């Protein structure tokens, strides 16, 4: 075990956690499994690891974006990178939802599914908010109190303030140099802290996966297997066709190297189901594995973890098709256009935390007048799908970062092409 790399240990923990969790799901409930294992040791390891990662997300986002913005001493370059980033994220999200509708229309996951069987297996769910407005999302970007934004974890507000502060430091010029050096040092310290926390990743991943599969097993999966398979196919096409196609044809880079080097981040995405939790490791690997300069990655990755939710958009598109087919509701061309627009807007307002994509699905369903009760039908398997779509979200962030870095001559291709 000592000879294995951290990536190999984490991948092994991923597999063993799933196996152990499935075994626990078949054990009758008793004091030992519930109190000692699930709510004791596994909860301590899993939640403790997740909390340690979340602990550094807010300061890391703030410091990295301030440093990245201030380091780009050309205001035109800041605007150019920002414009490219927003365009890329919006484009790939639109492509993701179109792909989801095509896959959902072709495979028809809701056709032939017994609605009574789904309702019989329905899990207890919490009420879902329906009053999600894009204007509120925009207003949420401008916090009235930056300290409140830090306490509440308002990432959009923190990013907005960080960009303004970085721009101000750039415009001040020479007098702001000591402050830039301070932020650069703080950024290095936080990245080192990430490395320390990641040493405990195998234990946290094992505990999180064990708990997930122990709670759900495959019993909740079987009635919805066609829906899950359809979502997985959509996510796979987004990764292998859209993202890898962009790397190959636009970036002229080898997709196979990206997939190999993305593996450690992929493992964290699966275990935490949180784009924000995967952000610290993504920032570290962006420079050391992909060769992206900190000036670019420190700007694009935190922004992507907040507004780029391609995997979530795919889930929402296929869920719309699934629920419409379950209830026998036909969708017209205008409905599809509305789904695309609302899913793109919803992705911008989706926080990078577990399960929030299901909340944003209400906005998409409401846009085409589909029954919101349909969400309860897929809640049972959402945690499993959430792990996979998070990986696609983060993969999109990294592909965007690499392509923008290359377009700005901020990519060290020797580092990217280095074998592992």
Protein backbone atom coordinates (compact mmCIF):
# COMPACT_ATOMS: atom_id res chain seq x y z
CA UNK A 1 0.00 0.00 0.00
CA UNK A 2 2.88 2.39 0.73
CA UNK A 3 4.11 2.04 -2.85
CA UNK A 4 0.75 3.06 -4.32
CA UNK A 5 0.23 6.66 -5.41
CA UNK A 6 -2.44 8.77 -3.73
CA UNK A 7 -4.55 8.50 -6.90
CA UNK A 8 -4.37 4.69 -6.84
CA UNK A 9 -5.20 4.58 -3.14
CA UNK A 10 -8.20 6.87 -3.68
CA UNK A 11 -9.44 4.81 -6.63
CA UNK A 12 -9.08 1.62 -4.58
CA UNK A 13 -10.98 3.26 -1.71
CA UNK A 14 -13.71 4.24 -4.19
CA UNK A 15 -14.18 0.61 -5.26
CA UNK A 16 -13.93 -0.87 -1.75
CA UNK A 17 -16.33 1.75 -0.38
CA UNK A 18 -18.98 0.88 -2.98
CA UNK A 19 -18.59 -2.85 -2.31
CA UNK A 20 -18.69 -2.41 1.46
CA UNK A 21 -21.72 -0.12 1.21
CA UNK A 22 -23.65 -2.60 -0.94
CA UNK A 23 -22.84 -5.35 1.58
CA UNK A 24 -24.12 -3.15 4.42
CA UNK A 25 -27.35 -2.44 2.51
CA UNK A 26 -28.16 -6.17 2.69
CA UNK A 27 -27.53 -6.41 6.43
CA UNK A 28 -30.67 -6.02 8.60
CA UNK A 29 -30.66 -2.81 10.61
CA UNK A 30 -29.05 -3.26 14.01
CA UNK A 31 -27.31 -1.18 16.67
CA UNK A 32 -23.80 -1.93 15.44
CA UNK A 33 -24.27 -1.06 11.76
CA UNK A 34 -26.40 2.02 12.41
CA UNK A 35 -24.78 3.51 15.52
CA UNK A 36 -21.17 2.35 15.36
CA UNK A 37 -20.59 2.16 11.60
CA UNK A 38 -22.95 4.43 9.61
CA UNK A 39 -23.62 7.12 12.21
CA UNK A 40 -20.30 6.69 13.98
CA UNK A 41 -17.02 5.79 12.30
CA UNK A 42 -18.08 6.24 8.66
CA UNK A 43 -19.85 9.52 9.39
CA UNK A 44 -16.82 10.84 11.27
CA UNK A 45 -14.40 9.95 8.45
CA UNK A 46 -16.62 10.94 5.53
CA UNK A 47 -18.21 14.11 6.85
CA UNK A 48 -14.96 15.14 8.54
CA UNK A 49 -13.06 14.88 5.24
CA UNK A 50 -15.79 16.75 3.38
CA UNK A 51 -15.89 19.49 6.01
CA UNK A 52 -12.10 19.88 5.83
CA UNK A 53 -12.32 20.47 2.07
CA UNK A 54 -15.26 22.87 2.38
CA UNK A 55 -13.35 24.71 5.10
CA UNK A 56 -10.86 26.08 2.57
CA UNK A 57 -13.18 26.58 -0.43
CA UNK A 58 -14.36 30.11 0.41
CA UNK A 59 -10.94 31.59 1.31
CA UNK A 60 -9.36 29.77 -1.64
CA UNK A 61 -11.94 31.13 -4.13
CA UNK A 62 -11.57 34.66 -2.80
CA UNK A 63 -7.77 34.74 -2.64
CA UNK A 64 -7.19 32.92 -5.93
CA UNK A 65 -9.52 35.18 -7.92
CA UNK A 66 -8.14 38.39 -6.39
CA UNK A 67 -4.60 37.20 -7.15
CA UNK A 68 -5.50 36.05 -10.67
CA UNK A 69 -7.27 39.29 -11.54
CA UNK A 70 -4.54 41.49 -10.08
CA UNK A 71 -1.83 39.47 -11.83
CA UNK A 72 -3.36 40.18 -15.22
CA UNK A 73 -2.05 43.72 -15.32
CA UNK A 74 -3.68 44.36 -18.69
CA UNK A 75 -7.34 45.30 -18.23
CA UNK A 76 -8.09 44.28 -21.81
CA UNK A 77 -6.68 40.83 -21.07
CA UNK A 78 -8.91 40.49 -18.01
CA UNK A 79 -11.95 41.37 -20.07
CA UNK A 80 -10.86 39.01 -22.87
CA UNK A 81 -10.35 36.03 -20.56
CA UNK A 82 -13.61 36.78 -18.73
CA UNK A 83 -15.51 36.99 -22.00
CA UNK A 84 -14.02 33.75 -23.31
CA UNK A 85 -14.79 31.97 -20.06
CA UNK A 86 -18.42 33.05 -19.94
CA UNK A 87 -18.90 32.24 -23.65
CA UNK A 88 -17.37 28.77 -23.27
CA UNK A 89 -19.43 27.89 -20.21
CA UNK A 90 -22.66 29.11 -21.79
CA UNK A 91 -21.94 27.30 -25.06
CA UNK A 92 -21.11 23.94 -23.47
CA UNK A 93 -24.15 24.13 -21.20
CA UNK A 94 -26.39 24.77 -24.21
CA UNK A 95 -24.75 21.86 -26.06
CA UNK A 96 -25.23 19.67 -22.98
CA UNK A 97 -28.96 20.31 -22.72
CA UNK A 98 -29.45 19.83 -26.48
CA UNK A 99 -27.53 16.54 -26.25
CA UNK A 100 -29.67 15.49 -23.28
CA UNK A 101 -32.91 16.16 -25.17
CA UNK A 102 -31.63 14.18 -28.17
CA UNK A 103 -30.58 11.22 -26.02
CA UNK A 104 -33.81 11.36 -24.01
CA UNK A 105 -35.90 11.51 -27.19
CA UNK A 106 -33.99 8.62 -28.76
CA UNK A 107 -33.82 6.23 -25.79
CA UNK A 108 -37.20 7.25 -24.28
CA UNK A 109 -36.36 6.37 -20.64
CA UNK A 110 -39.91 7.00 -19.41
CA UNK A 111 -41.73 4.87 -21.99
CA UNK A 112 -42.92 1.56 -20.58
CA UNK A 113 -42.05 2.39 -16.96
CA UNK A 114 -44.70 1.42 -14.41
CA UNK A 115 -45.66 4.63 -12.59
CA UNK A 116 -47.30 2.66 -9.77
CA UNK A 117 -44.06 0.76 -9.16
CA UNK A 118 -42.10 4.01 -8.94
CA UNK A 119 -44.57 5.50 -6.50
CA UNK A 120 -44.43 2.34 -4.39
CA UNK A 121 -40.65 2.72 -4.13
CA UNK A 122 -40.80 6.45 -3.57
CA UNK A 123 -38.56 7.76 -0.82
CA UNK A 124 -39.49 10.42 1.66
CA UNK A 125 -38.43 13.76 0.22
CA UNK A 126 -38.25 17.29 1.46
CA UNK A 127 -40.30 20.04 -0.21
CA UNK A 128 -38.55 21.65 -3.16
CA UNK A 129 -38.42 25.40 -3.67
CA UNK A 130 -40.11 26.66 -6.83
CA UNK A 131 -39.55 30.42 -6.62
CA UNK A 132 -36.16 30.51 -8.37
CA UNK A 133 -35.68 33.68 -10.44
CA UNK A 134 -32.74 34.60 -12.64
CA UNK A 135 -32.95 38.24 -11.52
CA UNK A 136 -32.51 37.10 -7.92
CA UNK A 137 -29.41 35.18 -8.99
CA UNK A 138 -27.97 38.34 -10.53
CA UNK A 139 -28.79 40.40 -7.44
CA UNK A 140 -27.21 37.73 -5.27
CA UNK A 141 -23.94 38.50 -7.03
CA UNK A 142 -23.86 41.93 -5.37
CA UNK A 143 -23.74 41.32 -1.60
CA UNK A 144 -24.72 44.16 0.69
CA UNK A 145 -22.18 42.93 3.23
CA UNK A 146 -19.08 41.02 2.15
CA UNK A 147 -18.63 39.48 5.61
CA UNK A 148 -22.17 38.10 5.44
CA UNK A 149 -21.31 36.65 2.01
CA UNK A 150 -18.31 34.88 3.53
CA UNK A 151 -20.34 33.50 6.44
CA UNK A 152 -23.20 32.30 4.20
CA UNK A 153 -20.86 30.92 1.54
CA UNK A 154 -22.33 33.15 -1.19
CA UNK A 155 -19.78 32.17 -3.83
CA UNK A 156 -21.23 34.37 -6.58
CA UNK A 157 -21.05 37.41 -4.29
CA UNK A 158 -17.52 36.54 -3.19
CA UNK A 159 -16.37 36.15 -6.81
CA UNK A 160 -17.94 39.51 -7.74
CA UNK A 161 -16.19 41.28 -4.87
CA UNK A 162 -12.89 39.47 -5.56
CA UNK A 163 -12.92 40.54 -9.22
CA UNK A 164 -13.64 44.16 -8.26
CA UNK A 165 -10.85 44.11 -5.67
CA UNK A 166 -8.40 42.56 -8.15
CA UNK A 167 -9.32 45.14 -10.79
CA UNK A 168 -8.79 47.95 -8.27
CA UNK A 169 -5.36 46.58 -7.38
CA UNK A 170 -4.47 46.43 -11.08
CA UNK A 171 -5.57 50.02 -11.64
CA UNK A 172 -3.65 51.30 -8.59
CA UNK A 173 -0.43 49.88 -10.06
CA UNK A 174 2.88 50.04 -8.23
CA UNK A 175 1.45 50.94 -4.81
CA UNK A 176 -0.62 47.73 -4.82
CA UNK A 177 2.38 45.44 -5.45
CA UNK A 178 2.88 44.56 -1.73
CA UNK A 179 -0.77 43.55 -1.50
CA UNK A 180 -0.45 41.38 -4.64
CA UNK A 181 2.58 39.65 -3.10
CA UNK A 182 0.54 39.03 0.06
CA UNK A 183 -2.28 37.40 -1.92
CA UNK A 184 0.24 35.33 -3.89
CA UNK A 185 1.77 34.02 -0.65
CA UNK A 186 -1.67 33.27 0.81
CA UNK A 187 -2.57 31.40 -2.38
CA UNK A 188 0.53 29.21 -2.09
CA UNK A 189 -0.19 28.47 1.58
CA UNK A 190 -3.77 27.41 0.84
CA UNK A 191 -2.67 25.13 -2.00
CA UNK A 192 -0.21 23.47 0.40
CA UNK A 193 -3.08 23.03 2.85
CA UNK A 194 -5.01 21.29 0.06
CA UNK A 195 -2.16 18.80 -0.33
CA UNK A 196 -2.21 18.08 3.40
CA UNK A 197 -5.97 17.48 3.46
CA UNK A 198 -5.81 15.27 0.35
CA UNK A 199 -3.51 12.86 2.18
CA UNK A 200 -6.67 11.72 4.01
CA UNK A 201 -8.68 11.37 0.79
CA UNK A 202 -8.70 7.52 0.63
CA UNK A 203 -10.28 7.27 4.08
CA UNK A 204 -12.85 9.99 3.37
CA UNK A 205 -13.74 8.55 -0.03
CA UNK A 206 -14.20 5.05 1.41
CA UNK A 207 -16.50 6.36 4.15
CA UNK A 208 -18.59 8.57 1.83
CA UNK A 209 -19.11 5.84 -0.79
CA UNK A 210 -19.88 3.23 1.86
CA UNK A 211 -22.56 5.47 3.37
CA UNK A 212 -24.11 6.30 -0.01
CA UNK A 213 -24.46 2.69 -1.16
CA UNK A 214 -25.46 1.45 2.29
CA UNK A 215 -28.39 3.87 2.31
CA UNK A 216 -29.54 3.21 -1.24
CA UNK A 217 -27.94 -0.01 -2.49
CA UNK A 218 -29.44 -1.10 -5.79
CA UNK A 219 -33.01 -1.53 -4.52
CA UNK A 220 -33.93 2.08 -5.35
CA UNK A 221 -32.04 1.84 -8.64
CA UNK A 222 -33.82 -1.09 -10.30
CA UNK A 223 -37.19 0.57 -11.15
CA UNK A 224 -35.27 3.51 -12.63
CA UNK A 225 -32.45 1.62 -14.34
CA UNK A 226 -33.43 2.87 -17.82
CA UNK A 227 -33.46 6.47 -16.61
CA UNK A 228 -30.06 6.09 -14.91
CA UNK A 229 -28.53 4.42 -17.99
CA UNK A 230 -29.85 7.23 -20.21
CA UNK A 231 -28.32 9.89 -17.95
CA UNK A 232 -24.99 8.03 -17.85
CA UNK A 233 -24.95 7.81 -21.67
CA UNK A 234 -25.66 11.54 -21.92
CA UNK A 235 -22.88 12.36 -19.46
CA UNK A 236 -20.47 10.03 -21.27
CA UNK A 237 -21.20 11.67 -24.64
CA UNK A 238 -20.65 15.13 -23.15
CA UNK A 239 -17.26 14.06 -21.80
CA UNK A 240 -15.97 11.94 -24.68
CA UNK A 241 -17.52 13.72 -27.68
CA UNK A 242 -17.97 17.37 -26.68
CA UNK A 243 -15.08 17.96 -24.26
CA UNK A 244 -12.53 15.60 -25.77
CA UNK A 245 -13.52 16.79 -29.25
CA UNK A 246 -12.80 20.37 -28.20
CA UNK A 247 -9.43 19.40 -26.75
CA UNK A 248 -8.50 17.50 -29.90
CA UNK A 249 -9.77 19.81 -32.65
CA UNK A 250 -9.61 23.25 -30.98
CA UNK A 251 -6.71 22.78 -28.57
CA UNK A 252 -4.76 20.24 -30.66
CA UNK A 253 -4.12 18.35 -27.41
CA UNK A 254 -4.26 14.64 -26.60
CA UNK A 255 -7.55 13.75 -24.85
CA UNK A 256 -6.10 10.52 -23.43
CA UNK A 257 -3.61 12.49 -21.33
CA UNK A 258 -6.38 14.67 -19.97
CA UNK A 259 -8.44 11.66 -18.92
CA UNK A 260 -5.47 10.06 -17.14
CA UNK A 261 -4.52 13.22 -15.28
CA UNK A 262 -8.14 14.06 -14.43
CA UNK A 263 -8.55 10.73 -12.55
CA UNK A 264 -7.68 12.07 -9.04
CA UNK A 265 -10.17 14.92 -9.43
CA UNK A 266 -12.74 12.47 -10.80
CA UNK A 267 -12.42 10.33 -7.66
CA UNK A 268 -13.09 13.31 -5.40
CA UNK A 269 -16.09 14.34 -7.52
CA UNK A 270 -17.60 10.86 -7.17
CA UNK A 271 -17.16 10.71 -3.41
CA UNK A 272 -18.22 14.26 -2.51
CA UNK A 273 -20.74 15.05 -5.32
CA UNK A 274 -19.66 18.67 -4.96
CA UNK A 275 -17.97 20.91 -7.53
CA UNK A 276 -16.90 23.26 -4.75
CA UNK A 277 -15.30 20.42 -2.78
CA UNK A 278 -13.34 19.35 -5.87
CA UNK A 279 -12.15 22.90 -6.56
CA UNK A 280 -9.03 22.91 -4.33
CA UNK A 281 -7.63 19.77 -5.95
CA UNK A 282 -8.58 21.04 -9.44
CA UNK A 283 -6.62 24.25 -8.83
CA UNK A 284 -3.57 22.29 -7.75
CA UNK A 285 -3.65 19.87 -10.70
CA UNK A 286 -4.35 22.61 -13.23
CA UNK A 287 -0.79 23.86 -12.85
CA UNK A 288 1.12 20.71 -11.93
CA UNK A 289 -0.59 18.25 -14.29
CA UNK A 290 -2.06 20.33 -17.13
CA UNK A 291 0.47 23.16 -17.28
CA UNK A 292 -2.02 26.02 -16.93
CA UNK A 293 -0.70 29.22 -15.39
CA UNK A 294 -2.19 30.32 -12.09
CA UNK A 295 -3.24 33.61 -13.69
CA UNK A 296 -5.79 31.72 -15.78
CA UNK A 297 -6.77 28.75 -13.59
CA UNK A 298 -7.28 30.91 -10.49
CA UNK A 299 -9.88 32.86 -12.46
CA UNK A 300 -11.66 30.27 -14.62
CA UNK A 301 -11.93 27.31 -12.22
CA UNK A 302 -13.62 29.09 -9.27
CA UNK A 303 -15.98 30.77 -11.73
CA UNK A 304 -16.71 27.43 -13.40
CA UNK A 305 -17.46 25.69 -10.11
CA UNK A 306 -20.22 28.26 -9.62
CA UNK A 307 -21.78 28.83 -13.05
CA UNK A 308 -20.76 25.87 -15.23
CA UNK A 309 -23.05 22.90 -14.60
CA UNK A 310 -23.11 20.90 -17.83
CA UNK A 311 -23.62 17.58 -16.06
CA UNK A 312 -26.52 19.06 -14.14
CA UNK A 313 -27.99 20.43 -17.38
CA UNK A 314 -27.86 16.93 -18.91
CA UNK A 315 -29.64 15.47 -15.89
CA UNK A 316 -32.29 18.18 -16.11
CA UNK A 317 -32.86 17.66 -19.84
CA UNK A 318 -33.22 13.89 -19.54
CA UNK A 319 -35.38 14.28 -16.42
CA UNK A 320 -37.73 16.56 -18.36
CA UNK A 321 -38.04 13.92 -21.11
CA UNK A 322 -38.46 11.13 -18.54
CA UNK A 323 -41.18 12.91 -16.55
CA UNK A 324 -43.02 14.00 -19.71
CA UNK A 325 -42.96 10.41 -21.02
CA UNK A 326 -44.04 8.97 -17.66
CA UNK A 327 -47.12 11.22 -17.56
CA UNK A 328 -47.80 10.91 -21.32
CA UNK A 329 -47.28 14.63 -21.99
CA UNK A 330 -46.07 15.66 -25.47
CA UNK A 331 -43.56 18.50 -25.75
CA UNK A 332 -43.47 20.78 -28.77
CA UNK A 333 -40.60 22.68 -30.40
CA UNK A 334 -41.27 25.80 -28.30
CA UNK A 335 -41.16 23.66 -25.16
CA UNK A 336 -37.73 22.32 -26.10
CA UNK A 337 -36.43 25.84 -26.70
CA UNK A 338 -37.80 26.88 -23.30
CA UNK A 339 -36.12 23.88 -21.63
CA UNK A 340 -32.77 24.81 -23.22
CA UNK A 341 -33.00 28.45 -22.12
CA UNK A 342 -34.24 27.74 -18.60
CA UNK A 343 -31.65 24.99 -18.04
CA UNK A 344 -28.82 27.30 -19.13
CA UNK A 345 -30.06 30.04 -16.81
CA UNK A 346 -30.63 27.58 -13.97
CA UNK A 347 -27.06 26.28 -14.27
CA UNK A 348 -25.71 29.77 -13.65
CA UNK A 349 -27.61 29.95 -10.38
CA UNK A 350 -26.75 26.42 -9.27
CA UNK A 351 -24.34 26.28 -6.33
CA UNK A 352 -21.64 23.63 -6.41
CA UNK A 353 -22.99 21.59 -3.50
CA UNK A 354 -24.56 18.12 -3.40
CA UNK A 355 -28.19 17.77 -4.49
CA UNK A 356 -28.83 21.38 -5.50
CA UNK A 357 -29.36 20.37 -9.15
CA UNK A 358 -32.60 18.70 -8.11
CA UNK A 359 -33.81 22.00 -6.66
CA UNK A 360 -33.01 23.84 -9.89
CA UNK A 361 -34.89 21.15 -11.84
CA UNK A 362 -38.12 22.67 -10.51
CA UNK A 363 -37.42 25.84 -12.50
CA UNK A 364 -36.95 23.83 -15.70
CA UNK A 365 -40.08 21.73 -15.16
CA UNK A 366 -42.16 24.80 -14.35
CA UNK A 367 -41.02 26.48 -17.59
CA UNK A 368 -42.85 23.83 -19.64
CA UNK A 369 -45.69 23.18 -17.18
CA UNK A 370 -44.66 19.65 -16.25
CA UNK A 371 -45.84 18.27 -12.86
CA UNK A 372 -43.33 19.04 -10.14
CA UNK A 373 -44.44 15.85 -8.40
CA UNK A 374 -42.38 14.02 -11.00
CA UNK A 375 -39.23 15.05 -9.14
CA UNK A 376 -40.15 12.66 -6.31
CA UNK A 377 -39.95 9.76 -8.79
CA UNK A 378 -36.22 10.23 -9.36
CA UNK A 379 -35.12 11.44 -5.93
CA UNK A 380 -34.19 7.91 -4.87
CA UNK A 381 -31.33 7.64 -7.37
CA UNK A 382 -30.31 11.29 -7.47
CA UNK A 383 -27.37 10.86 -5.10
CA UNK A 384 -25.79 8.26 -7.39
CA UNK A 385 -26.37 10.42 -10.50
CA UNK A 386 -25.19 13.51 -8.59
CA UNK A 387 -21.75 11.93 -8.17
CA UNK A 388 -21.42 11.37 -11.92
CA UNK A 389 -22.78 14.70 -13.09
CA UNK A 390 -20.46 16.51 -10.68
CA UNK A 391 -17.50 14.83 -12.39
CA UNK A 392 -18.76 16.11 -15.77
CA UNK A 393 -19.24 19.62 -14.35
CA UNK A 394 -15.66 19.73 -13.10
CA UNK A 395 -14.27 18.13 -16.28
CA UNK A 396 -15.89 20.97 -18.24
CA UNK A 397 -14.27 23.54 -15.96
CA UNK A 398 -10.85 22.02 -16.58
CA UNK A 399 -11.26 21.69 -20.35
CA UNK A 400 -12.37 25.33 -20.53
CA UNK A 401 -9.37 26.39 -18.45
CA UNK A 402 -6.92 24.48 -20.66
CA UNK A 403 -8.35 25.87 -23.92
CA UNK A 404 -8.45 29.45 -22.67
CA UNK A 405 -4.90 29.12 -21.32
CA UNK A 406 -3.69 27.92 -24.71
CA UNK A 407 -5.47 30.76 -26.53
CA UNK A 408 -3.72 33.22 -24.20
CA UNK A 409 -0.29 31.52 -24.43
CA UNK A 410 -0.58 30.62 -20.74
CA UNK A 411 -0.34 26.84 -21.24
CA UNK A 412 2.90 24.90 -20.80
CA UNK A 413 2.38 22.06 -23.28
CA UNK A 414 5.48 20.26 -22.02
CA UNK A 415 3.75 19.82 -18.66
CA UNK A 416 0.48 18.78 -20.32
CA UNK A 417 2.18 16.22 -22.57
CA UNK A 418 4.29 14.75 -19.75
CA UNK A 419 3.34 11.12 -19.19
CA UNK A 420 2.25 9.92 -15.76
